[in-house]
Amino acid sequence: MKLSLEHFDKAFENRIRLQIMSVLVANDSYDFNSLKDLLKVTDGNLASHLKALEKEEYITVTKTFLGRKPNTSYAASDKGRDAFKLHLKALENLIKQQK
């Protein structure tokens, strides 16, 4: 049986980006500090992975102020949701083919 890898998305190869998208697809949005705490990553590590997803247009970024403090929140874009779902479907198909 031939394995098709056409729907595997390189953007989700990294476990942190996969985790970020999982959180954002399951929630309306998530702020930077909450993501950092949930995923247990450093500021720089999280920022670089968010930037990679933003570059692919898989997430949207909203910058606001809560009182006098800046707050950055992230949400999955429609393009990101679709790409993530295709990636998950490809993973499911891979698992089914291995049985």
C-alpha atoms as a PDB file:
ATOM      1  CA  MET A   1       0.000   0.000   0.000  1.00  0.00           C
ATOM      2  CA  LYS A   2       1.453   3.363  -1.054  1.00  0.00           C
ATOM      3  CA  LEU A   3       1.629   6.089   1.578  1.00  0.00           C
ATOM      4  CA  SER A   4       0.566   9.568   0.480  1.00  0.00           C
ATOM      5  CA  LEU A   5       2.253  12.431   2.321  1.00  0.00           C
ATOM      6  CA  GLU A   6       0.704  15.255   0.316  1.00  0.00           C
ATOM      7  CA  HIS A   7      -1.410  16.618   3.189  1.00  0.00           C
ATOM      8  CA  PHE A   8       1.327  16.557   5.817  1.00  0.00           C
ATOM      9  CA  ASP A   9       2.139  20.173   6.574  1.00  0.00           C
ATOM     10  CA  LYS A  10       5.739  21.059   7.400  1.00  0.00           C
ATOM     11  CA  ALA A  11       4.488  23.914   9.609  1.00  0.00           C
ATOM     12  CA  PHE A  12       3.145  21.307  12.045  1.00  0.00           C
ATOM     13  CA  GLU A  13       6.272  19.152  12.074  1.00  0.00           C
ATOM     14  CA  ASN A  14       7.429  20.724  15.318  1.00  0.00           C
ATOM     15  CA  ARG A  15       5.581  19.567  18.431  1.00  0.00           C
ATOM     16  CA  ILE A  16       5.270  23.098  19.836  1.00  0.00           C
ATOM     17  CA  ARG A  17       3.587  24.410  16.666  1.00  0.00           C
ATOM     18  CA  LEU A  18       1.350  21.350  16.700  1.00  0.00           C
ATOM     19  CA  GLN A  19       0.452  22.088  20.329  1.00  0.00           C
ATOM     20  CA  ILE A  20      -0.155  25.780  19.607  1.00  0.00           C
ATOM     21  CA  MET A  21      -2.543  24.951  16.778  1.00  0.00           C
ATOM     22  CA  SER A  22      -4.304  22.325  18.899  1.00  0.00           C
ATOM     23  CA  VAL A  23      -4.965  24.943  21.578  1.00  0.00           C
ATOM     24  CA  LEU A  24      -6.046  27.627  19.096  1.00  0.00           C
ATOM     25  CA  VAL A  25      -8.358  25.334  17.128  1.00  0.00           C
ATOM     26  CA  ALA A  26     -10.005  24.189  20.380  1.00  0.00           C
ATOM     27  CA  ASN A  27     -10.407  27.763  21.728  1.00  0.00           C
ATOM     28  CA  ASP A  28     -11.512  31.090  20.282  1.00  0.00           C
ATOM     29  CA  SER A  29      -8.196  32.700  21.222  1.00  0.00           C
ATOM     30  CA  TYR A  30      -5.364  32.445  23.719  1.00  0.00           C
ATOM     31  CA  ASP A  31      -3.001  35.092  25.045  1.00  0.00           C
ATOM     32  CA  PHE A  32       0.780  34.827  24.981  1.00  0.00           C
ATOM     33  CA  ASN A  33       1.335  34.263  28.713  1.00  0.00           C
ATOM     34  CA  SER A  34      -1.410  31.642  28.944  1.00  0.00           C
ATOM     35  CA  LEU A  35       0.075  29.758  25.987  1.00  0.00           C
ATOM     36  CA  LYS A  36       3.544  30.006  27.525  1.00  0.00           C
ATOM     37  CA  ASP A  37       2.316  28.607  30.850  1.00  0.00           C
ATOM     38  CA  LEU A  38       0.246  25.863  29.241  1.00  0.00           C
ATOM     39  CA  LEU A  39       3.000  24.667  26.905  1.00  0.00           C
ATOM     40  CA  LYS A  40       5.811  25.233  29.433  1.00  0.00           C
ATOM     41  CA  VAL A  41       8.108  26.995  26.953  1.00  0.00           C
ATOM     42  CA  THR A  42      10.263  30.106  27.130  1.00  0.00           C
ATOM     43  CA  ASP A  43       9.200  33.494  25.768  1.00  0.00           C
ATOM     44  CA  GLY A  44      11.681  33.309  22.895  1.00  0.00           C
ATOM     45  CA  ASN A  45      10.799  29.747  21.957  1.00  0.00           C
ATOM     46  CA  LEU A  46       7.075  30.479  21.902  1.00  0.00           C
ATOM     47  CA  ALA A  47       7.563  33.742  20.012  1.00  0.00           C
ATOM     48  CA  SER A  48       9.581  32.062  17.264  1.00  0.00           C
ATOM     49  CA  HIS A  49       6.973  29.333  16.756  1.00  0.00           C
ATOM     50  CA  LEU A  50       4.128  31.855  16.757  1.00  0.00           C
ATOM     51  CA  LYS A  51       5.998  33.916  14.175  1.00  0.00           C
ATOM     52  CA  ALA A  52       6.395  30.825  11.960  1.00  0.00           C
ATOM     53  CA  LEU A  53       2.639  30.144  12.138  1.00  0.00           C
ATOM     54  CA  GLU A  54       1.868  33.816  11.517  1.00  0.00           C
ATOM     55  CA  LYS A  55       4.144  33.813   8.453  1.00  0.00           C
ATOM     56  CA  GLU A  56       2.094  30.913   7.030  1.00  0.00           C
ATOM     57  CA  GLU A  57      -1.061  32.941   7.832  1.00  0.00           C
ATOM     58  CA  TYR A  58      -2.278  30.086  10.048  1.00  0.00           C
ATOM     59  CA  ILE A  59      -2.887  32.370  13.023  1.00  0.00           C
ATOM     60  CA  THR A  60      -4.070  35.919  13.590  1.00  0.00           C
ATOM     61  CA  VAL A  61      -2.523  38.248  16.149  1.00  0.00           C
ATOM     62  CA  THR A  62      -4.449  40.841  18.143  1.00  0.00           C
ATOM     63  CA  LYS A  63      -2.630  43.387  20.281  1.00  0.00           C
ATOM     64  CA  THR A  64      -4.616  45.259  22.919  1.00  0.00           C
ATOM     65  CA  PHE A  65      -4.148  46.842  26.316  1.00  0.00           C
ATOM     66  CA  LEU A  66      -5.619  45.506  29.549  1.00  0.00           C
ATOM     67  CA  GLY A  67      -5.562  48.613  31.627  1.00  0.00           C
ATOM     68  CA  ARG A  68      -2.069  49.911  30.990  1.00  0.00           C
ATOM     69  CA  LYS A  69      -0.486  46.555  30.155  1.00  0.00           C
ATOM     70  CA  PRO A  70      -0.086  45.280  26.589  1.00  0.00           C
ATOM     71  CA  ASN A  71      -1.794  41.982  25.815  1.00  0.00           C
ATOM     72  CA  THR A  72      -1.226  39.900  22.693  1.00  0.00           C
ATOM     73  CA  SER A  73      -3.694  37.179  21.811  1.00  0.00           C
ATOM     74  CA  TYR A  74      -3.688  34.625  19.037  1.00  0.00           C
ATOM     75  CA  ALA A  75      -6.422  32.807  17.136  1.00  0.00           C
ATOM     76  CA  ALA A  76      -6.428  30.193  14.404  1.00  0.00           C
ATOM     77  CA  SER A  77      -7.271  31.671  11.003  1.00  0.00           C
ATOM     78  CA  ASP A  78      -9.632  29.872   8.624  1.00  0.00           C
ATOM     79  CA  LYS A  79      -6.612  28.929   6.514  1.00  0.00           C
ATOM     80  CA  GLY A  80      -4.865  27.584   9.621  1.00  0.00           C
ATOM     81  CA  ARG A  81      -7.895  25.571  10.736  1.00  0.00           C
ATOM     82  CA  ASP A  82      -8.216  23.994   7.298  1.00  0.00           C
ATOM     83  CA  ALA A  83      -4.500  23.175   7.093  1.00  0.00           C
ATOM     84  CA  PHE A  84      -4.514  21.735  10.611  1.00  0.00           C
ATOM     85  CA  LYS A  85      -7.538  19.552   9.901  1.00  0.00           C
ATOM     86  CA  LEU A  86      -5.926  18.244   6.697  1.00  0.00           C
ATOM     87  CA  HIS A  87      -2.742  17.490   8.634  1.00  0.00           C
ATOM     88  CA  LEU A  88      -4.673  15.591  11.316  1.00  0.00           C
ATOM     89  CA  LYS A  89      -6.572  13.661   8.646  1.00  0.00           C
ATOM     90  CA  ALA A  90      -3.254  12.708   7.022  1.00  0.00           C
ATOM     91  CA  LEU A  91      -1.976  11.473  10.399  1.00  0.00           C
ATOM     92  CA  GLU A  92      -5.162   9.432  10.913  1.00  0.00           C
ATOM     93  CA  ASN A  93      -4.775   7.898   7.452  1.00  0.00           C
ATOM     94  CA  LEU A  94      -1.160   7.019   8.205  1.00  0.00           C
ATOM     95  CA  ILE A  95      -2.193   5.253  11.410  1.00  0.00           C
ATOM     96  CA  LYS A  96      -4.983   3.357   9.622  1.00  0.00           C
ATOM     97  CA  GLN A  97      -2.565   2.190   6.926  1.00  0.00           C
ATOM     98  CA  GLN A  98      -0.216   0.794   9.558  1.00  0.00           C
ATOM     99  CA  LYS A  99      -2.824  -1.568  11.025  1.00  0.00           C
END
